[in-house]
Protein backbone atom coordinates (compact mmCIF):
# COMPACT_ATOMS: atom_id res chain seq x y z
CA MET A 1 25.38 130.88 90.80
CA ARG A 2 27.06 131.00 87.47
CA ALA A 3 30.27 129.13 87.16
CA ALA A 4 33.44 131.13 86.71
CA ARG A 5 34.83 131.08 83.44
CA PRO A 6 38.18 129.37 82.67
CA ARG A 7 41.25 131.27 82.52
CA SER A 8 41.79 130.72 78.90
CA ALA A 9 38.21 132.22 78.11
CA ARG A 10 38.63 135.36 80.11
CA ARG A 11 38.82 138.69 78.40
CA HIS A 12 41.69 141.14 78.82
CA HIS A 13 40.59 144.57 78.73
CA GLY A 14 43.40 147.17 77.49
CA PRO A 15 47.06 145.99 76.44
CA ARG A 16 48.93 143.60 78.33
CA ARG A 17 51.99 144.98 80.26
CA ARG A 18 55.18 143.38 80.67
CA PRO A 19 56.60 143.28 84.21
CA GLY A 20 59.45 145.50 83.15
CA PRO A 21 60.91 147.20 80.09
CA LEU A 22 62.49 145.41 77.26
CA ARG A 23 65.92 146.69 76.64
CA ARG A 24 67.60 145.73 73.39
CA ARG A 25 71.13 146.78 72.17
CA ALA A 26 70.97 148.49 68.88
CA PRO A 27 72.68 146.19 66.38
CA ALA A 28 76.13 147.05 64.76
CA THR A 29 75.54 148.35 61.25
CA GLY A 30 78.14 149.33 58.70
CA TYR A 31 79.47 149.29 55.38
CA GLY A 32 82.92 149.55 53.42
CA ILE A 33 84.13 151.88 50.74
CA ALA A 34 86.20 150.22 47.92
CA CYS A 35 89.17 151.82 47.38
CA GLY A 36 91.43 152.11 44.19
CA ARG A 37 88.39 151.58 41.91
CA ALA A 38 87.63 153.64 38.78
CA PRO A 39 86.63 156.52 38.20
CA HIS A 40 87.51 158.05 41.47
CA ARG A 41 90.63 155.72 42.59
CA LEU A 42 89.98 156.48 46.15
CA ILE A 43 92.75 156.32 48.36
CA GLY A 44 92.15 155.84 52.43
CA ILE A 45 94.82 157.17 54.79
CA ASP A 46 94.16 155.57 58.16
CA LEU A 47 95.46 157.67 60.92
CA ASP A 48 95.19 155.23 63.76
CA ILE A 49 95.47 156.09 67.66
CA ASP A 50 97.55 153.35 69.66
CA THR A 51 98.24 154.57 73.22
CA ALA A 52 99.62 151.28 74.23
CA TYR A 53 102.74 152.00 72.05
CA GLY A 54 102.53 155.78 71.85
CA ASN A 55 102.03 156.18 68.37
CA ASP A 56 101.21 159.80 67.12
CA SER A 57 100.19 158.97 63.52
CA VAL A 58 98.77 162.40 63.07
CA GLY A 59 102.05 163.95 63.87
CA ALA A 60 104.08 161.43 62.03
CA LEU A 61 102.07 162.32 58.95
CA ARG A 62 102.85 166.05 59.71
CA GLN A 63 106.42 165.12 59.79
CA LEU A 64 106.29 163.40 56.51
CA ALA A 65 104.86 166.30 54.85
CA LEU A 66 107.48 168.87 56.37
CA GLN A 67 109.99 166.48 55.27
CA HIS A 68 109.02 165.74 51.79
CA LEU A 69 107.33 169.38 51.15
CA PHE A 70 103.69 168.39 50.49
CA THR A 71 100.40 169.83 52.29
CA ILE A 72 97.17 167.62 52.75
CA PRO A 73 94.67 169.44 51.13
CA PRO A 74 91.06 170.27 52.71
CA THR A 75 89.15 166.84 51.94
CA VAL A 76 86.51 164.47 53.27
CA THR A 77 87.63 163.18 56.75
CA VAL A 78 86.04 160.55 58.92
CA LEU A 79 86.61 160.38 62.65
CA THR A 80 86.69 156.93 64.05
CA PRO A 81 85.49 155.63 67.19
CA SER A 82 89.00 155.15 68.67
CA GLY A 83 89.79 158.56 68.28
CA GLY A 84 91.51 158.33 64.92
CA ARG A 85 90.67 159.63 61.49
CA HIS A 86 90.12 158.53 57.82
CA LEU A 87 91.62 160.92 55.25
CA TRP A 88 90.12 160.42 51.71
CA LEU A 89 92.08 161.40 48.71
CA THR A 90 91.73 160.48 45.01
CA GLY A 91 94.66 159.00 42.78
CA PRO A 92 95.59 159.22 39.20
CA ALA A 93 94.57 156.71 36.60
CA ASP A 94 97.95 155.66 35.83
CA THR A 95 99.03 154.86 39.08
CA THR A 96 98.23 152.04 41.49
CA VAL A 97 98.33 152.46 45.14
CA PRO A 98 98.98 149.35 47.35
CA ASN A 99 97.66 148.40 50.58
CA SER A 100 99.89 148.85 53.72
CA ALA A 101 100.06 148.97 57.31
CA GLY A 102 102.75 151.02 59.15
CA ARG A 103 105.13 151.22 56.09
CA LEU A 104 104.98 155.13 56.16
CA ALA A 105 105.11 155.46 59.86
CA PRO A 106 103.63 153.51 63.10
CA GLY A 107 99.90 153.93 63.04
CA ILE A 108 99.50 155.11 59.46
CA ASP A 109 97.81 152.47 57.21
CA VAL A 110 97.12 152.87 53.59
CA ARG A 111 94.07 151.44 51.79
CA GLY A 112 94.24 151.40 47.84
CA SER A 113 93.78 149.04 45.27
CA GLY A 114 91.63 146.13 46.60
CA GLY A 115 91.12 147.71 49.98
CA TYR A 116 88.40 148.82 51.98
CA LEU A 117 87.56 151.51 54.68
CA VAL A 118 84.43 151.67 57.09
CA GLY A 119 82.34 154.30 55.68
CA PRO A 120 80.73 157.16 57.70
CA GLY A 121 77.56 156.63 59.48
CA SER A 122 78.69 153.08 60.25
CA VAL A 123 77.89 151.67 63.69
CA THR A 124 80.28 149.25 65.55
CA THR A 125 80.39 147.81 69.10
CA HIS A 126 82.99 150.67 69.50
CA GLY A 127 80.99 153.36 68.38
CA ARG A 128 79.99 155.55 65.12
CA TYR A 129 82.09 156.67 62.38
CA ARG A 130 81.16 160.00 61.40
CA LEU A 131 82.03 162.81 59.24
CA ALA A 132 84.37 165.62 60.77
CA PRO A 133 82.81 168.90 60.87
CA GLY A 134 83.27 171.17 57.98
CA THR A 135 84.24 168.32 55.67
CA ALA A 136 80.66 166.90 54.64
CA ARG A 137 80.31 169.06 51.60
CA LEU A 138 83.74 168.61 50.34
CA THR A 139 84.77 166.02 47.80
CA PRO A 140 87.87 163.63 48.06
CA ALA A 141 91.06 165.86 47.28
CA PRO A 142 93.74 164.75 44.67
CA CYS A 143 96.64 163.22 46.52
CA PRO A 144 99.50 165.39 46.57
CA ARG A 145 102.19 163.91 44.19
CA ALA A 146 105.18 164.01 46.77
CA LEU A 147 102.60 161.88 48.95
CA LEU A 148 101.56 159.64 46.02
CA ARG A 149 105.39 158.93 45.58
CA LEU A 150 105.55 157.77 49.13
CA LEU A 151 102.66 155.66 48.87
CA THR A 152 103.82 153.83 45.60
CA PRO A 153 106.50 151.20 45.70
CA PRO A 154 109.38 152.37 43.63
CA ARG A 155 110.48 150.19 40.54
CA ARG A 156 113.25 147.81 41.32
CA ALA A 157 116.28 148.61 39.53
CA PRO A 158 119.54 146.78 39.68
CA GLY A 159 121.17 146.67 43.07
CA THR A 160 117.92 147.05 44.78
CA LEU A 161 117.92 145.76 48.38
CA THR A 162 115.63 142.78 48.69
CA SER A 163 115.02 139.88 50.95
CA GLU A 164 118.12 138.04 49.68
CA THR A 165 120.32 141.05 50.50
CA PRO A 166 122.72 140.58 53.43
CA PRO A 167 121.13 142.08 56.65
CA GLY A 168 123.83 144.53 57.03
CA ARG A 169 123.28 146.08 53.80
CA ARG A 170 119.39 146.13 54.19
CA GLY A 171 120.01 147.69 57.70
CA GLU A 172 121.98 150.55 56.18
CA GLY A 173 118.82 152.36 55.23
CA LEU A 174 117.18 152.02 58.34
CA ILE A 175 120.33 153.43 60.35
CA HIS A 176 120.24 156.34 58.33
CA PHE A 177 116.41 156.75 58.62
CA VAL A 178 116.77 156.81 62.25
CA LEU A 179 119.90 159.19 62.24
CA ALA A 180 118.05 161.86 60.27
CA ALA A 181 115.46 162.12 63.17
CA HIS A 182 114.71 165.59 64.36
CA GLU A 183 113.38 166.35 67.88
CA GLY A 184 109.70 165.20 68.21
CA GLN A 185 110.27 162.40 65.92
CA ARG A 186 113.06 160.35 67.11
CA ASN A 187 111.11 157.83 69.01
CA THR A 188 108.71 157.42 66.16
CA ARG A 189 111.37 156.94 63.37
CA LEU A 190 113.32 154.42 66.03
CA PHE A 191 110.18 152.31 66.31
CA TRP A 192 109.18 152.21 62.60
CA ALA A 193 112.68 151.11 61.50
CA ALA A 194 112.72 148.64 64.14
CA CYS A 195 109.29 147.14 62.84
CA ARG A 196 110.55 147.08 59.44
CA ALA A 197 114.02 145.17 60.74
CA TYR A 198 111.88 142.53 62.70
CA GLU A 199 109.53 142.03 59.70
CA HIS A 200 112.29 141.05 57.64
CA GLY A 201 113.80 138.97 60.11
CA PHE A 202 117.10 140.76 61.07
CA GLY A 203 115.77 142.92 64.07
CA ASP A 204 118.07 141.19 66.48
CA ALA A 205 120.75 141.53 64.49
CA LEU A 206 120.09 145.20 63.70
CA ALA A 207 118.88 146.02 67.45
CA ASP A 208 122.30 147.18 68.74
CA ALA A 209 123.18 149.53 65.60
CA LEU A 210 119.58 151.02 65.88
CA THR A 211 120.32 151.86 69.61
CA THR A 212 123.45 153.57 68.86
CA ALA A 213 121.74 155.65 66.27
CA ALA A 214 119.07 156.49 68.25
CA ILE A 215 121.51 157.62 71.23
CA ARG A 216 123.29 160.01 68.52
CA THR A 217 119.85 161.62 68.06
CA GLY A 218 119.33 162.44 71.70
CA LEU A 219 117.31 159.43 73.27
CA THR A 220 118.78 157.50 76.07
CA GLU A 221 119.80 153.98 75.81
CA GLN A 222 116.87 152.98 77.79
CA GLU A 223 114.50 154.64 75.77
CA ALA A 224 116.03 153.26 72.57
CA ARG A 225 116.09 149.75 73.78
CA ALA A 226 112.25 150.10 75.33
CA ALA A 227 111.20 151.35 71.49
CA ILE A 228 112.80 148.35 69.92
CA ALA A 229 111.46 146.02 72.24
CA SER A 230 107.91 147.40 71.85
CA ALA A 231 108.53 147.06 67.80
CA GLU A 232 109.42 143.43 68.39
CA ARG A 233 106.33 142.52 70.59
CA LEU A 234 104.23 144.39 67.76
CA THR A 235 105.58 142.54 64.97
CA ARG A 236 105.57 139.18 66.77
CA GLY A 237 101.93 139.97 67.44
CA ARG A 238 101.20 140.47 64.04
CA LYS A 239 102.78 137.33 62.88
């Protein structure tokens, strides 16, 4: 009687099968596009969606366009996993566009010199960045002059308000900004103004004046106080 082969010497016919399928999560892959560099000098307008604070960045940009008389031309647009979008524009060689977050309006971030934005096709843990339908064959359009003026800080002249200016004077511009709000932009303007006030350290001192201005535009005191409180929480969280 032939002795049985040891297990290590037994032949296996056909491929071995695992007890169950091996599931692997696709790794996150992506890249960033440098902004502000020659020759294209790209400007990225990041329209973020923040449902927690009720920010309507698309509507805010539309209001800025109506107020300052410019139109965003057809251009390369990237849809983000969160529901926002990146608008790609180009700037002139003699202008440097700085990076900013929420300076134009809540939810609108700008990427210029030294900045980066996630490129289309990138995949993160939140999803894929993809080109918006109809924009794949477009090239980044020149930034409208009126918008470019908003993106570039003005040169400081004598009498310009700075961090050394008393809070009362610095707050005047924010008060007027809130008072100029039309229906549909009152909460957005108030939130933006309150964010700027808290960023510069005089939010509490200006809160009552901002509330009064917001009430004059049509908001209730409760709505105004809630927007200012949200701005305070957001600003403290960033710090």
